[in-house]
Every structure is written in structure tokens, then in C-alpha cells.
Amino acid sequence: MRNRLPCRSISRNIGQRIVALSIPARNYVDLEPGKTGVLFLVEGPPVDPMGGDDSASLTLHKFELKTRKTEKILEGVNSFNLAFNGEKMLYKQKDQWVIAPADKPRGAPPKPGEGGPLKLDTMQVYVDPQAEWKHMYRQVWRDERDFFYDPGLHGVDAHAIQKKYEPYLENISSRDDLNYLFEEMLGEMTVGHMFVGGGDTPEIKKVKGGLLGADYKVENGRYRFARIYDGENWNPKLQAPLTQPGVDVSAGEYLLAVRGREVRGSDELYSFFEETAGKSGCGLGQIRTGAAHAK
């Protein structure tokens, strides 16, 4: 292990030791210190994606204090981590993870084992979920003991509460069950900002239903448009389907059919739009509106 110089922090007049670097103004979402005099800057899109999209394309830049210049290293990155010594970097592009020298790639892409894409297809991890859940259960109370702002835990006897809920561990069959147990157990601390979530859960296929952006009421055995909502049609994330250019639908008209299927007031309306979210050819182009008696 190399010798390290002692590190001291002197707060007196620290505001006068701030230095502006000659780095172009961009939407930087992360900053990683590399070797001495080197910074890695992660640039996000000019406008952050709505809904916290983790798949946003990032650009990696390298700044060197010696030259006072910033160099673009990588584009189209989804994730980036730098080794502690600043020599290697781990990044993700599309569906591939790569470990490579912390510098701009030179020439042809490196081969696997030499900084190329990692072979993860055959990687397997064997786990014992019930053993992990029991460990997590005990770790939760260690974390509350060590990090909760009130050493008295709002008057809760942590040992007694842990024993009270511990028998339920034997019947847990999923991470969702464990999260539910945590919610009930930690709820006894009576604190507003106590959140439980996450963990390894089965990936369930989601059926995304499309919406027309309207309110309805049932009249004459049909669904009638009571109100049609406007949107920001220039924004791909906030478009209103019924106010798109070329779409002529007005409040008071009836929704008669969707993709060739008659729509009656007794039908579950949203079932007609299953698996149509974000698909232009499955919704507006195949709905029929008009008067209630239209055939």
C-alpha cells in the first residue's frame, strides 16, 4: 500500500479559496475526482427526462487542471463509475458493461479481457433469500440504533419491538412480504419520513394502457365525451391525443368503436386501450366517434 499524506481541513477563510475552473457550462449530473489534477464530469441531457428515467444518455468529459482543458471521453453512456485510484472506469453503454482505462478510447474497440465488454451472459449468483431477509431484519434495527436522529427512538423499546415482529419472518415468501413487515414494525416509531421499498422482486410484465385524455359520462347506452383535455403537443411527454393536428373530436360526441370493436356503456372502457400506450397505430387511427345512434 502506498504511503498517504495526512489530510487536514482548515475552515478559516475557506470561502476565499474557491477557484472557478474553465469548464463549459452544461447540465452536469455527476462529478468524479480522478488522479491528481483530473476531474471526470458526467453531462446529462439539456432537459432532465420526466419520471426519473435512468436510461438517459450521458456524456463523459475529462478535465485536466494542468492544461485547463475539457475533453469528451464517451457518449451514449447510461452509467459510470471510477476506480478509487483513478486508473480504470466501469461504464455501461446500451446493454453492455465495460471496464477500461480512464481515458478516451484509442483506435479499435478493446477486446474482452483487455477493456472490452464484460461477458456477463453466464454469470450466476446463488442466494438464500430467507437467510438474507433474516439478516436484513436485524440490520434494520442496527441502522435505526446508529443513525436515527433521536437516540431514544421516539420512546420505542427497539429490543421489544424486534422480538414482537420476529415470528412473522418464518412465513415470509417474498421481498414484498418483508417490506410490508418493515412498514408495520417501523411504523411504531411514529415518524413522518420513514420510507420502505426496493429489493429483489420478480419482474412482472406490465400492460400499459393508453388514454385519450378525456372525461366521460354514460348516456344513451354509450360513452360520451364530457371534457377533452388540451396538452403541450410540442412536448412528446405531454401530448393530448384528441387535440393532435388532424384529430376532430369534440365534447358531446360519443365514443362508438375502438379498433373495430363496438363500445357500449356497460363495457369496461379502458380494456379497449390495453397495450396501446405510446403506439400511434393502435388508438386514434382506429376509433370512431359521432352521435349515439350512429352505426
Protein backbone atom coordinates (compact mmCIF):
# COMPACT_ATOMS: atom_id res chain seq x y z
CA MET A 1 0.00 0.00 0.00
CA ARG A 2 1.38 3.37 -0.93
CA ASN A 3 2.02 5.97 1.75
CA ARG A 4 -0.61 8.66 2.06
CA LEU A 5 -0.05 12.21 3.17
CA PRO A 6 -2.15 13.36 6.13
CA CYS A 7 -5.25 15.31 5.10
CA ARG A 8 -6.29 18.39 7.05
CA SER A 9 -9.26 20.68 6.59
CA ILE A 10 -8.83 24.32 7.52
CA SER A 11 -12.18 26.09 7.53
CA ARG A 12 -10.86 29.61 8.23
CA ASN A 13 -11.41 31.82 5.13
CA ILE A 14 -12.43 28.78 3.10
CA GLY A 15 -14.74 30.98 1.01
CA GLN A 16 -11.69 32.84 -0.31
CA ARG A 17 -10.07 29.65 -1.54
CA ILE A 18 -12.79 28.77 -4.06
CA VAL A 19 -11.44 28.76 -7.61
CA ALA A 20 -13.54 28.89 -10.81
CA LEU A 21 -12.46 26.29 -13.38
CA SER A 22 -12.57 26.89 -17.13
CA ILE A 23 -15.24 24.23 -17.71
CA PRO A 24 -18.04 24.85 -20.26
CA ALA A 25 -21.49 25.34 -18.77
CA ARG A 26 -23.55 22.16 -19.23
CA ASN A 27 -26.08 20.08 -17.33
CA TYR A 28 -23.57 18.12 -15.24
CA VAL A 29 -25.19 15.40 -13.16
CA ASP A 30 -22.08 13.89 -11.58
CA LEU A 31 -18.50 14.80 -10.71
CA GLU A 32 -15.78 12.21 -10.00
CA PRO A 33 -12.21 13.03 -8.87
CA GLY A 34 -9.56 11.07 -10.77
CA LYS A 35 -5.81 11.21 -10.38
CA THR A 36 -4.23 14.38 -9.03
CA GLY A 37 -5.43 17.34 -11.10
CA VAL A 38 -8.05 15.35 -13.05
CA LEU A 39 -11.84 15.55 -12.84
CA PHE A 40 -14.43 13.46 -14.68
CA LEU A 41 -17.70 15.23 -15.46
CA VAL A 42 -20.90 13.42 -16.42
CA GLU A 43 -23.18 15.51 -18.64
CA GLY A 44 -26.89 14.78 -18.76
CA PRO A 45 -29.47 15.85 -21.37
CA PRO A 46 -30.20 19.60 -21.56
CA VAL A 47 -33.60 18.85 -20.00
CA ASP A 48 -33.80 16.04 -17.45
CA PRO A 49 -36.19 13.27 -18.55
CA MET A 50 -39.58 13.26 -16.85
CA GLY A 51 -40.25 10.50 -14.34
CA GLY A 52 -36.62 9.99 -13.39
CA ASP A 53 -35.68 7.94 -16.43
CA ASP A 54 -32.49 6.05 -15.52
CA SER A 55 -31.79 5.13 -19.15
CA ALA A 56 -30.98 8.71 -20.19
CA SER A 57 -27.95 9.03 -22.49
CA LEU A 58 -25.00 10.64 -20.71
CA THR A 59 -21.74 12.15 -21.99
CA LEU A 60 -18.46 11.76 -20.11
CA HIS A 61 -15.86 14.55 -20.08
CA LYS A 62 -12.36 14.69 -18.61
CA PHE A 63 -10.89 17.93 -17.24
CA GLU A 64 -7.17 18.32 -16.57
CA LEU A 65 -6.03 21.13 -14.30
CA LYS A 66 -2.60 21.16 -15.95
CA THR A 67 -3.94 22.06 -19.39
CA ARG A 68 -7.18 23.73 -18.19
CA LYS A 69 -8.97 21.86 -20.99
CA THR A 70 -12.01 19.60 -21.11
CA GLU A 71 -12.04 16.58 -23.43
CA LYS A 72 -15.03 14.46 -24.38
CA ILE A 73 -14.32 10.83 -23.44
CA LEU A 74 -17.51 8.87 -24.15
CA GLU A 75 -21.04 9.40 -25.46
CA GLY A 76 -24.20 7.34 -25.05
CA VAL A 77 -23.29 6.21 -21.53
CA ASN A 78 -26.02 5.06 -19.13
CA SER A 79 -23.86 4.54 -16.04
CA PHE A 80 -20.32 5.47 -14.95
CA ASN A 81 -18.06 4.61 -12.01
CA LEU A 82 -14.40 5.42 -11.47
CA ALA A 83 -11.85 3.28 -9.63
CA PHE A 84 -10.52 4.73 -6.37
CA ASN A 85 -7.05 5.24 -7.85
CA GLY A 86 -8.48 6.91 -10.95
CA GLU A 87 -6.87 4.46 -13.38
CA LYS A 88 -9.88 2.40 -14.53
CA MET A 89 -13.53 3.12 -15.19
CA LEU A 90 -16.64 0.96 -15.32
CA TYR A 91 -19.37 2.19 -17.63
CA LYS A 92 -22.48 0.94 -19.36
CA GLN A 93 -23.42 1.60 -22.97
CA LYS A 94 -26.76 0.20 -24.04
CA ASP A 95 -26.77 -3.35 -22.62
CA GLN A 96 -23.01 -3.77 -22.29
CA TRP A 97 -20.78 -3.15 -19.27
CA VAL A 98 -17.13 -2.27 -19.93
CA ILE A 99 -14.03 -1.90 -17.73
CA ALA A 100 -11.41 0.23 -19.48
CA PRO A 101 -8.58 2.68 -18.77
CA ALA A 102 -9.91 6.03 -17.57
CA ASP A 103 -9.12 7.81 -20.81
CA LYS A 104 -10.53 8.38 -24.27
CA PRO A 105 -10.65 5.10 -26.25
CA ARG A 106 -7.96 4.93 -28.90
CA GLY A 107 -8.31 3.12 -32.22
CA ALA A 108 -10.33 -0.09 -32.46
CA PRO A 109 -12.59 -1.16 -29.59
CA PRO A 110 -10.68 -3.22 -27.00
CA LYS A 111 -11.21 -6.96 -26.78
CA PRO A 112 -12.88 -8.77 -23.85
CA GLY A 113 -10.39 -9.06 -21.01
CA GLU A 114 -8.45 -6.06 -22.33
CA GLY A 115 -11.00 -3.39 -21.52
CA GLY A 116 -13.74 -4.64 -23.84
CA PRO A 117 -17.33 -5.59 -22.99
CA LEU A 118 -17.67 -7.84 -19.96
CA LYS A 119 -19.06 -11.33 -20.57
CA LEU A 120 -22.00 -11.47 -18.18
CA ASP A 121 -24.27 -13.89 -20.04
CA THR A 122 -23.17 -16.88 -17.99
CA MET A 123 -22.76 -15.10 -14.66
CA GLN A 124 -24.89 -16.61 -11.90
CA VAL A 125 -25.34 -15.71 -8.25
CA TYR A 126 -26.66 -18.22 -5.76
CA VAL A 127 -28.63 -16.73 -2.88
CA ASP A 128 -30.63 -17.89 0.13
CA PRO A 129 -33.45 -15.32 0.30
CA GLN A 130 -34.75 -16.37 3.72
CA ALA A 131 -31.28 -16.10 5.25
CA GLU A 132 -30.87 -12.66 3.63
CA TRP A 133 -34.26 -11.49 4.92
CA LYS A 134 -33.40 -12.52 8.49
CA HIS A 135 -30.12 -10.62 8.24
CA MET A 136 -31.93 -7.55 6.84
CA TYR A 137 -34.43 -7.72 9.70
CA ARG A 138 -31.63 -7.50 12.27
CA GLN A 139 -29.71 -4.92 10.24
CA VAL A 140 -32.71 -2.57 10.16
CA TRP A 141 -32.58 -2.17 13.92
CA ARG A 142 -28.81 -1.69 13.87
CA ASP A 143 -29.27 1.12 11.36
CA GLU A 144 -32.01 2.78 13.43
CA ARG A 145 -29.84 2.49 16.54
CA ASP A 146 -26.83 4.06 14.82
CA PHE A 147 -28.41 6.65 12.51
CA PHE A 148 -31.84 7.71 13.76
CA TYR A 149 -31.72 11.36 14.85
CA ASP A 150 -33.27 10.58 18.26
CA PRO A 151 -31.12 8.18 20.34
CA GLY A 152 -34.30 7.31 22.25
CA LEU A 153 -36.08 6.17 19.05
CA HIS A 154 -39.16 8.22 19.99
CA GLY A 155 -39.56 6.22 23.16
CA VAL A 156 -39.72 2.83 21.40
CA ASP A 157 -38.12 -0.18 23.05
CA ALA A 158 -36.26 -1.45 19.98
CA HIS A 159 -35.48 -4.83 21.52
CA ALA A 160 -39.13 -5.43 22.46
CA ILE A 161 -40.45 -4.38 19.04
CA GLN A 162 -37.88 -6.57 17.28
CA LYS A 163 -38.99 -9.58 19.32
CA LYS A 164 -42.66 -8.75 18.74
CA TYR A 165 -42.45 -8.96 14.94
CA GLU A 166 -39.68 -11.56 14.62
CA PRO A 167 -42.08 -14.59 14.50
CA TYR A 168 -43.53 -13.29 11.21
CA LEU A 169 -40.18 -13.88 9.48
CA GLU A 170 -40.85 -17.61 9.30
CA ASN A 171 -43.85 -17.14 6.97
CA ILE A 172 -42.34 -14.58 4.60
CA SER A 173 -42.21 -15.81 1.00
CA SER A 174 -41.23 -12.69 -0.96
CA ARG A 175 -39.42 -9.38 -0.63
CA ASP A 176 -42.79 -7.64 -0.79
CA ASP A 177 -43.77 -9.54 2.36
CA LEU A 178 -40.58 -8.35 4.06
CA ASN A 179 -41.22 -4.73 3.05
CA TYR A 180 -44.74 -4.99 4.45
CA LEU A 181 -43.34 -6.33 7.73
CA PHE A 182 -40.86 -3.44 7.87
CA GLU A 183 -43.67 -0.93 7.33
CA GLU A 184 -45.73 -2.35 10.19
CA MET A 185 -42.74 -2.71 12.51
CA LEU A 186 -41.06 0.65 11.87
CA GLY A 187 -44.43 2.39 11.94
CA GLU A 188 -44.32 2.01 15.72
CA MET A 189 -41.59 4.66 15.80
CA THR A 190 -44.18 7.25 14.66
CA VAL A 191 -42.03 9.41 12.39
CA GLY A 192 -43.15 11.13 9.21
CA HIS A 193 -40.14 10.47 7.00
CA MET A 194 -39.73 6.72 7.31
CA PHE A 195 -39.76 5.01 3.92
CA VAL A 196 -39.57 1.33 2.97
CA GLY A 197 -39.16 -0.07 -0.54
CA GLY A 198 -36.95 -1.71 -3.12
CA GLY A 199 -35.31 -5.09 -3.07
CA ASP A 200 -35.17 -8.02 -5.48
CA THR A 201 -38.66 -8.74 -6.77
CA PRO A 202 -39.87 -10.85 -9.70
CA GLU A 203 -40.16 -8.94 -12.96
CA ILE A 204 -43.84 -8.82 -13.83
CA LYS A 205 -44.90 -7.91 -17.34
CA LYS A 206 -46.71 -4.60 -17.29
CA VAL A 207 -49.64 -3.97 -19.62
CA LYS A 208 -49.57 -0.27 -20.41
CA GLY A 209 -52.97 1.12 -21.23
CA GLY A 210 -53.39 4.14 -23.46
CA LEU A 211 -55.51 7.14 -22.50
CA LEU A 212 -57.40 9.53 -24.75
CA GLY A 213 -57.16 12.47 -22.36
CA ALA A 214 -60.86 12.92 -21.73
CA ASP A 215 -63.61 12.68 -19.13
CA TYR A 216 -66.66 10.56 -19.96
CA LYS A 217 -70.22 10.07 -18.88
CA VAL A 218 -72.58 7.29 -19.89
CA GLU A 219 -75.64 8.47 -21.82
CA ASN A 220 -77.97 6.59 -24.15
CA GLY A 221 -76.04 3.39 -23.52
CA ARG A 222 -72.79 4.89 -24.83
CA TYR A 223 -69.68 6.66 -23.51
CA ARG A 224 -69.99 10.38 -24.20
CA PHE A 225 -67.07 12.81 -24.12
CA ALA A 226 -67.79 15.22 -21.26
CA ARG A 227 -64.47 17.05 -21.49
CA ILE A 228 -61.42 16.86 -23.76
CA TYR A 229 -58.11 17.92 -22.26
CA ASP A 230 -55.53 20.07 -24.00
CA GLY A 231 -51.84 19.27 -23.73
CA GLU A 232 -48.41 20.53 -24.76
CA ASN A 233 -48.42 18.81 -28.13
CA TRP A 234 -44.92 20.06 -28.90
CA ASN A 235 -43.67 18.02 -25.92
CA PRO A 236 -43.51 14.25 -26.64
CA LYS A 237 -44.16 13.54 -22.95
CA LEU A 238 -47.24 15.75 -22.62
CA GLN A 239 -49.25 15.24 -25.78
CA ALA A 240 -53.04 15.24 -25.70
CA PRO A 241 -54.28 12.57 -28.17
CA LEU A 242 -57.63 14.18 -29.02
CA THR A 243 -56.18 17.63 -29.73
CA GLN A 244 -53.47 16.48 -32.15
CA PRO A 245 -53.45 18.17 -35.57
CA GLY A 246 -55.93 16.40 -37.85
CA VAL A 247 -57.98 14.91 -34.99
CA ASP A 248 -61.54 16.26 -34.99
CA VAL A 249 -63.27 15.19 -31.76
CA SER A 250 -65.46 17.48 -29.67
CA ALA A 251 -67.06 17.31 -26.25
CA GLY A 252 -70.60 15.98 -26.58
CA GLU A 253 -69.72 13.34 -29.17
CA TYR A 254 -69.84 9.63 -28.36
CA LEU A 255 -67.08 7.05 -28.49
CA LEU A 256 -68.63 4.38 -30.69
CA ALA A 257 -65.85 1.93 -31.53
CA VAL A 258 -62.16 1.20 -30.93
CA ARG A 259 -60.14 -0.93 -33.39
CA GLY A 260 -63.31 -2.28 -34.93
CA ARG A 261 -64.94 -3.22 -31.60
CA GLU A 262 -68.22 -1.57 -30.63
CA VAL A 263 -68.06 0.28 -27.31
CA ARG A 264 -71.16 0.19 -25.10
CA GLY A 265 -71.83 1.96 -21.84
CA SER A 266 -71.79 -1.37 -20.00
CA ASP A 267 -68.25 -2.18 -21.21
CA GLU A 268 -65.05 -1.56 -19.26
CA LEU A 269 -63.84 1.38 -21.33
CA TYR A 270 -60.13 1.13 -20.57
CA SER A 271 -59.94 -2.53 -21.61
CA PHE A 272 -60.23 -1.32 -25.21
CA PHE A 273 -56.91 0.53 -24.88
CA GLU A 274 -54.73 -2.14 -23.28
CA GLU A 275 -51.23 -2.30 -24.78
CA THR A 276 -51.77 0.90 -26.77
CA ALA A 277 -49.71 3.36 -24.69
CA GLY A 278 -47.21 5.11 -26.94
CA LYS A 279 -48.39 3.26 -30.06
CA SER A 280 -49.71 5.53 -32.76
CA GLY A 281 -51.32 2.81 -34.86
CA CYS A 282 -53.49 1.24 -32.19
CA GLY A 283 -55.57 4.08 -30.87
CA LEU A 284 -56.63 7.31 -32.55
CA GLY A 285 -56.38 6.00 -36.05
CA GLN A 286 -58.89 3.30 -35.21
CA ILE A 287 -61.55 4.95 -33.05
CA ARG A 288 -64.97 6.03 -34.30
CA THR A 289 -66.94 8.88 -32.81
CA GLY A 290 -70.23 10.53 -33.58
CA ALA A 291 -73.84 10.61 -32.45
CA ALA A 292 -75.19 7.91 -30.11
CA HIS A 293 -77.40 6.39 -32.79
CA ALA A 294 -74.55 6.09 -35.35
CA LYS A 295 -73.82 2.58 -36.60
